[in-house]
Amino acid sequence: MHALLVEDDDRMAHALGTALAQRGHSVRRVGRALDALRHVHEAEFVLLDLGLPDLDGLELLRRLRTVCDAPLIVVTARCEERDIVQGLRAGADDYVVKPFRMAELMARVDSVRRRSAARPGSAGPTGAVSGAVGDRIVRSGDVEVDLARRTVTVAGGEIRLTRREFDVLAFLAERPDEVHAREEILDRIWGDAFLGVSRSLDVHVAGIRAKTGRSRLVRTVRGFGYQLGAPPVGSGPPPDPALPDVRGPDGGTR
């Protein structure tokens, strides 16, 4: 596969490029944001450093996500929780902090490449949640998840989710009558159940709730996992997207 490596440090770029090439990947290395935007259309996956000389890496990530849907891993020295949350919300599929073990990073590259698009579900009506198997549309209150077209609408208006946010929502929508364990979701969407020690899943669930404005669209089953909920129509404005909104079955924040 062809990788775009966005890294301005020559020694780090050489090490990453060598490791990728040893695994059979072709690599284009760039050190500036403008070059990344120019060449991203060629990429089948992206490794992105946030410390670039010409543009903040998070801003570049947001711009890349407007023109490219390839798997993307942030590889950076920024280790603050706020940076990690912002990176995941901006569309990163994974976030790796320097220094790191090369074998672990390569495993994460393999993991994001193995991700699969949402499969057809066998969801049937459950309360206010319904599925249309023929056109693969699942409805929950005034929210419609089109699994085939990978779109989400709320009260008739389309909502833009990141690819990973949609993958999580689509996975829950495929079987809305079931509660899915955190490990099951992480294994299916990230390819790695051990990511349960991270907040990646919680951050993406919070993003779904914030962007749809339906805090009960994804229901938290405390100590276990998540289930597609049935938010009432017109359930109010979205919560503050700056704060992760992880709620329990009774609506309380945990």
Protein backbone atom coordinates (compact mmCIF):
# COMPACT_ATOMS: atom_id res chain seq x y z
CA MET A 1 0.00 0.00 0.00
CA HIS A 2 1.06 3.58 -0.56
CA ALA A 3 1.70 5.65 2.58
CA LEU A 4 1.94 9.40 2.93
CA LEU A 5 4.38 10.22 5.73
CA VAL A 6 4.05 13.81 6.96
CA GLU A 7 7.11 14.35 9.16
CA ASP A 8 9.58 17.25 9.17
CA ASP A 9 12.25 15.53 11.29
CA ASP A 10 14.69 13.76 8.96
CA ARG A 11 15.81 11.08 11.42
CA MET A 12 12.26 10.18 12.42
CA ALA A 13 11.14 10.19 8.80
CA HIS A 14 13.98 7.86 7.84
CA ALA A 15 13.15 5.41 10.64
CA LEU A 16 9.43 5.39 9.81
CA GLY A 17 10.02 5.17 6.08
CA THR A 18 12.40 2.23 6.53
CA ALA A 19 9.95 0.36 8.78
CA LEU A 20 7.09 0.87 6.33
CA ALA A 21 9.20 -0.16 3.34
CA GLN A 22 10.30 -3.34 5.14
CA ARG A 23 6.62 -4.24 5.40
CA GLY A 24 6.07 -3.79 1.70
CA HIS A 25 4.63 -0.28 1.64
CA SER A 26 5.67 2.42 -0.78
CA VAL A 27 6.21 5.74 0.98
CA ARG A 28 6.08 9.38 0.01
CA ARG A 29 7.58 11.57 2.71
CA VAL A 30 6.76 15.27 2.95
CA GLY A 31 7.72 17.78 5.62
CA ARG A 32 5.25 20.59 5.02
CA ALA A 33 1.49 20.91 5.19
CA LEU A 34 1.17 22.29 1.67
CA ASP A 35 2.92 19.23 0.24
CA ALA A 36 0.73 16.93 2.33
CA LEU A 37 -2.41 18.49 0.86
CA ARG A 38 -0.93 18.20 -2.62
CA HIS A 39 -0.14 14.48 -2.35
CA VAL A 40 -2.81 13.13 0.01
CA HIS A 41 -5.02 11.98 -2.87
CA GLU A 42 -2.37 9.38 -3.73
CA ALA A 43 -2.30 7.92 -0.22
CA GLU A 44 -3.92 4.72 0.98
CA PHE A 45 -3.03 5.64 4.55
CA VAL A 46 -1.37 8.61 6.28
CA LEU A 47 1.05 9.04 9.19
CA LEU A 48 0.89 12.64 10.41
CA ASP A 49 3.18 14.53 12.76
CA LEU A 50 1.51 17.56 14.36
CA GLY A 51 4.67 19.66 14.75
CA LEU A 52 5.01 21.07 11.23
CA PRO A 53 6.83 24.31 10.34
CA ASP A 54 4.16 25.90 8.14
CA LEU A 55 0.81 24.97 9.74
CA ASP A 56 -0.45 23.55 13.00
CA GLY A 57 -0.87 19.81 12.62
CA LEU A 58 -4.42 19.74 13.96
CA GLU A 59 -5.48 22.33 11.40
CA LEU A 60 -3.84 20.27 8.68
CA LEU A 61 -5.66 17.19 9.95
CA ARG A 62 -9.00 18.98 9.64
CA ARG A 63 -8.14 20.09 6.10
CA LEU A 64 -7.00 16.62 5.10
CA ARG A 65 -10.27 15.18 6.31
CA THR A 66 -12.22 17.48 3.98
CA VAL A 67 -10.47 16.01 0.92
CA CYS A 68 -9.36 12.52 1.96
CA ASP A 69 -10.95 9.55 3.72
CA ALA A 70 -7.83 7.37 3.95
CA PRO A 71 -6.91 5.85 7.33
CA LEU A 72 -4.82 8.35 9.29
CA ILE A 73 -2.67 7.95 12.39
CA VAL A 74 -1.28 10.93 14.27
CA VAL A 75 2.32 10.35 15.40
CA THR A 76 3.40 13.21 17.63
CA ALA A 77 5.16 14.32 20.80
CA ARG A 78 1.99 16.09 21.98
CA CYS A 79 0.80 13.98 24.89
CA GLU A 80 -1.74 16.17 26.68
CA GLU A 81 -5.23 14.71 26.94
CA ARG A 82 -6.68 17.78 25.24
CA ASP A 83 -4.44 17.25 22.19
CA ILE A 84 -5.39 13.56 21.98
CA VAL A 85 -9.10 14.33 22.21
CA GLN A 86 -8.84 17.09 19.60
CA GLY A 87 -6.89 14.83 17.26
CA LEU A 88 -9.42 12.02 17.48
CA ARG A 89 -12.34 14.41 17.07
CA ALA A 90 -10.68 16.02 14.06
CA GLY A 91 -10.72 12.66 12.29
CA ALA A 92 -7.62 10.69 13.29
CA ASP A 93 -8.14 6.94 13.38
CA ASP A 94 -5.48 6.52 16.04
CA TYR A 95 -3.09 8.70 18.05
CA VAL A 96 0.43 7.56 18.93
CA VAL A 97 2.67 9.59 21.23
CA LYS A 98 6.45 9.83 20.71
CA PRO A 99 8.59 8.10 21.80
CA PHE A 100 6.94 4.84 20.75
CA ARG A 101 7.87 1.25 19.96
CA MET A 102 8.13 0.81 16.20
CA ALA A 103 6.52 -2.64 16.34
CA GLU A 104 3.50 -1.20 18.14
CA LEU A 105 3.11 1.60 15.60
CA MET A 106 3.30 -0.87 12.71
CA ALA A 107 0.65 -2.99 14.42
CA ARG A 108 -1.57 0.08 14.68
CA VAL A 109 -1.00 0.79 10.98
CA ASP A 110 -2.16 -2.76 10.21
CA SER A 111 -5.14 -2.27 12.51
CA VAL A 112 -6.48 0.88 10.85
CA ARG A 113 -5.96 -0.64 7.41
CA ARG A 114 -8.05 -3.67 8.38
CA ARG A 115 -11.02 -1.56 9.29
CA SER A 116 -14.10 -2.47 7.32
CA ALA A 117 -17.04 -0.44 6.18
CA ALA A 118 -20.29 -1.06 8.01
CA ARG A 119 -21.93 -4.30 6.90
CA PRO A 120 -25.63 -4.83 6.25
CA GLY A 121 -27.53 -5.39 9.45
CA SER A 122 -30.43 -7.56 10.42
CA ALA A 123 -31.98 -4.97 12.68
CA GLY A 124 -35.68 -5.11 13.23
CA PRO A 125 -38.03 -2.75 15.06
CA THR A 126 -37.31 -2.24 18.72
CA GLY A 127 -39.37 0.49 20.31
CA ALA A 128 -38.63 3.68 18.37
CA VAL A 129 -35.69 2.12 16.55
CA SER A 130 -36.45 0.58 13.17
CA GLY A 131 -34.47 -0.78 10.25
CA ALA A 132 -35.12 -1.01 6.54
CA VAL A 133 -33.10 -3.99 5.35
CA GLY A 134 -33.62 -3.39 1.63
CA ASP A 135 -32.16 0.11 1.56
CA ARG A 136 -30.09 -0.39 4.76
CA ILE A 137 -31.54 2.61 6.57
CA VAL A 138 -31.90 2.49 10.35
CA ARG A 139 -34.08 5.04 12.14
CA SER A 140 -33.87 6.06 15.77
CA GLY A 141 -36.29 8.84 16.65
CA ASP A 142 -35.67 11.56 14.07
CA VAL A 143 -32.19 10.21 13.29
CA GLU A 144 -31.65 8.19 10.11
CA VAL A 145 -28.47 6.18 9.52
CA ASP A 146 -28.03 5.17 5.89
CA LEU A 147 -25.57 2.28 6.05
CA ALA A 148 -25.18 2.01 2.28
CA ARG A 149 -24.54 5.70 1.59
CA ARG A 150 -22.75 6.25 4.92
CA THR A 151 -24.82 9.31 5.77
CA VAL A 152 -26.63 10.46 8.90
CA THR A 153 -29.58 12.86 9.01
CA VAL A 154 -31.24 14.46 12.01
CA ALA A 155 -34.73 15.92 11.52
CA GLY A 156 -34.12 15.78 7.77
CA GLY A 157 -30.77 17.62 7.83
CA GLU A 158 -27.54 15.81 7.06
CA ILE A 159 -24.91 15.65 9.83
CA ARG A 160 -21.23 15.25 8.99
CA LEU A 161 -19.46 12.65 11.11
CA THR A 162 -15.87 11.54 10.82
CA ARG A 163 -15.37 8.15 9.22
CA ARG A 164 -14.62 6.52 12.55
CA GLU A 165 -17.61 8.14 14.26
CA PHE A 166 -19.84 6.80 11.49
CA ASP A 167 -18.27 3.34 11.78
CA VAL A 168 -19.13 3.24 15.49
CA LEU A 169 -22.70 4.47 14.92
CA ALA A 170 -23.25 2.11 11.99
CA PHE A 171 -22.00 -0.86 14.02
CA LEU A 172 -24.54 -0.10 16.74
CA ALA A 173 -27.26 0.54 14.16
CA GLU A 174 -26.77 -2.84 12.51
CA ARG A 175 -28.17 -4.54 15.63
CA PRO A 176 -29.98 -1.84 17.60
CA ASP A 177 -31.67 -4.35 19.90
CA GLU A 178 -28.33 -5.56 21.28
CA VAL A 179 -25.90 -4.12 23.80
CA HIS A 180 -22.34 -4.28 22.48
CA ALA A 181 -19.35 -4.72 24.78
CA ARG A 182 -16.59 -2.12 24.59
CA GLU A 183 -14.12 -4.84 23.61
CA GLU A 184 -16.40 -6.02 20.79
CA ILE A 185 -16.66 -2.48 19.36
CA LEU A 186 -12.93 -1.83 19.68
CA ASP A 187 -12.09 -5.12 18.02
CA ARG A 188 -14.54 -4.56 15.15
CA ILE A 189 -13.83 -0.87 14.47
CA TRP A 190 -10.20 -0.48 15.58
CA GLY A 191 -9.10 -4.09 15.14
CA ASP A 192 -7.71 -4.06 18.67
CA ALA A 193 -9.75 -4.90 21.76
CA PHE A 194 -6.88 -3.83 24.01
CA LEU A 195 -7.53 -0.21 23.09
CA GLY A 196 -10.08 -0.44 25.91
CA VAL A 197 -7.48 1.20 28.13
CA SER A 198 -7.71 4.34 25.99
CA ARG A 199 -10.50 6.88 25.66
CA SER A 200 -10.74 6.57 21.89
CA LEU A 201 -14.15 4.92 21.89
CA ASP A 202 -15.60 7.32 24.47
CA VAL A 203 -14.31 10.32 22.51
CA HIS A 204 -15.96 9.11 19.31
CA VAL A 205 -19.25 8.37 21.08
CA ALA A 206 -19.14 11.88 22.56
CA GLY A 207 -18.57 13.24 19.05
CA ILE A 208 -21.64 11.40 17.72
CA ARG A 209 -23.79 12.80 20.51
CA ALA A 210 -22.48 16.33 20.12
CA LYS A 211 -22.81 16.50 16.34
CA THR A 212 -26.27 14.95 16.18
CA GLY A 213 -27.52 16.91 19.17
CA ARG A 214 -29.09 13.69 20.46
CA SER A 215 -27.36 12.77 23.72
CA ARG A 216 -29.42 9.57 24.03
CA LEU A 217 -28.73 8.33 20.51
CA VAL A 218 -25.95 6.16 21.91
CA ARG A 219 -26.86 4.66 25.28
CA THR A 220 -24.12 3.77 27.75
CA VAL A 221 -24.56 0.51 29.63
CA ARG A 222 -22.39 1.16 32.64
CA GLY A 223 -19.45 -1.18 33.03
CA PHE A 224 -20.19 -3.01 29.76
CA GLY A 225 -20.60 -1.06 26.56
CA TYR A 226 -22.99 0.80 24.28
CA GLN A 227 -26.31 0.39 22.48
CA LEU A 228 -28.19 2.43 19.91
CA GLY A 229 -30.79 4.42 21.83
CA ALA A 230 -34.10 5.91 20.82
CA PRO A 231 -33.86 9.69 21.33
CA PRO A 232 -37.19 11.53 21.33
CA VAL A 233 -37.83 13.82 18.40
CA GLY A 234 -36.64 17.35 19.12
CA SER A 235 -34.60 16.30 22.12
CA GLY A 236 -32.81 19.60 22.41
CA PRO A 237 -29.57 21.25 21.28
CA PRO A 238 -26.27 19.37 21.23
CA PRO A 239 -24.19 19.28 24.39
CA ASP A 240 -20.97 21.28 24.61
CA PRO A 241 -18.64 19.48 22.16
CA ALA A 242 -15.62 20.50 24.27
CA LEU A 243 -16.74 18.13 27.01
CA PRO A 244 -17.01 14.35 26.52
CA ASP A 245 -20.65 13.44 27.13
CA VAL A 246 -20.68 9.85 28.32
CA ARG A 247 -23.99 9.09 29.92
CA GLY A 248 -25.36 6.10 31.73
CA PRO A 249 -28.68 4.40 31.03
CA ASP A 250 -30.43 6.76 33.42
CA GLY A 251 -29.06 9.82 31.59
CA GLY A 252 -26.50 10.63 34.28
CA THR A 253 -22.95 11.45 33.30
CA ARG A 254 -20.33 8.97 34.42
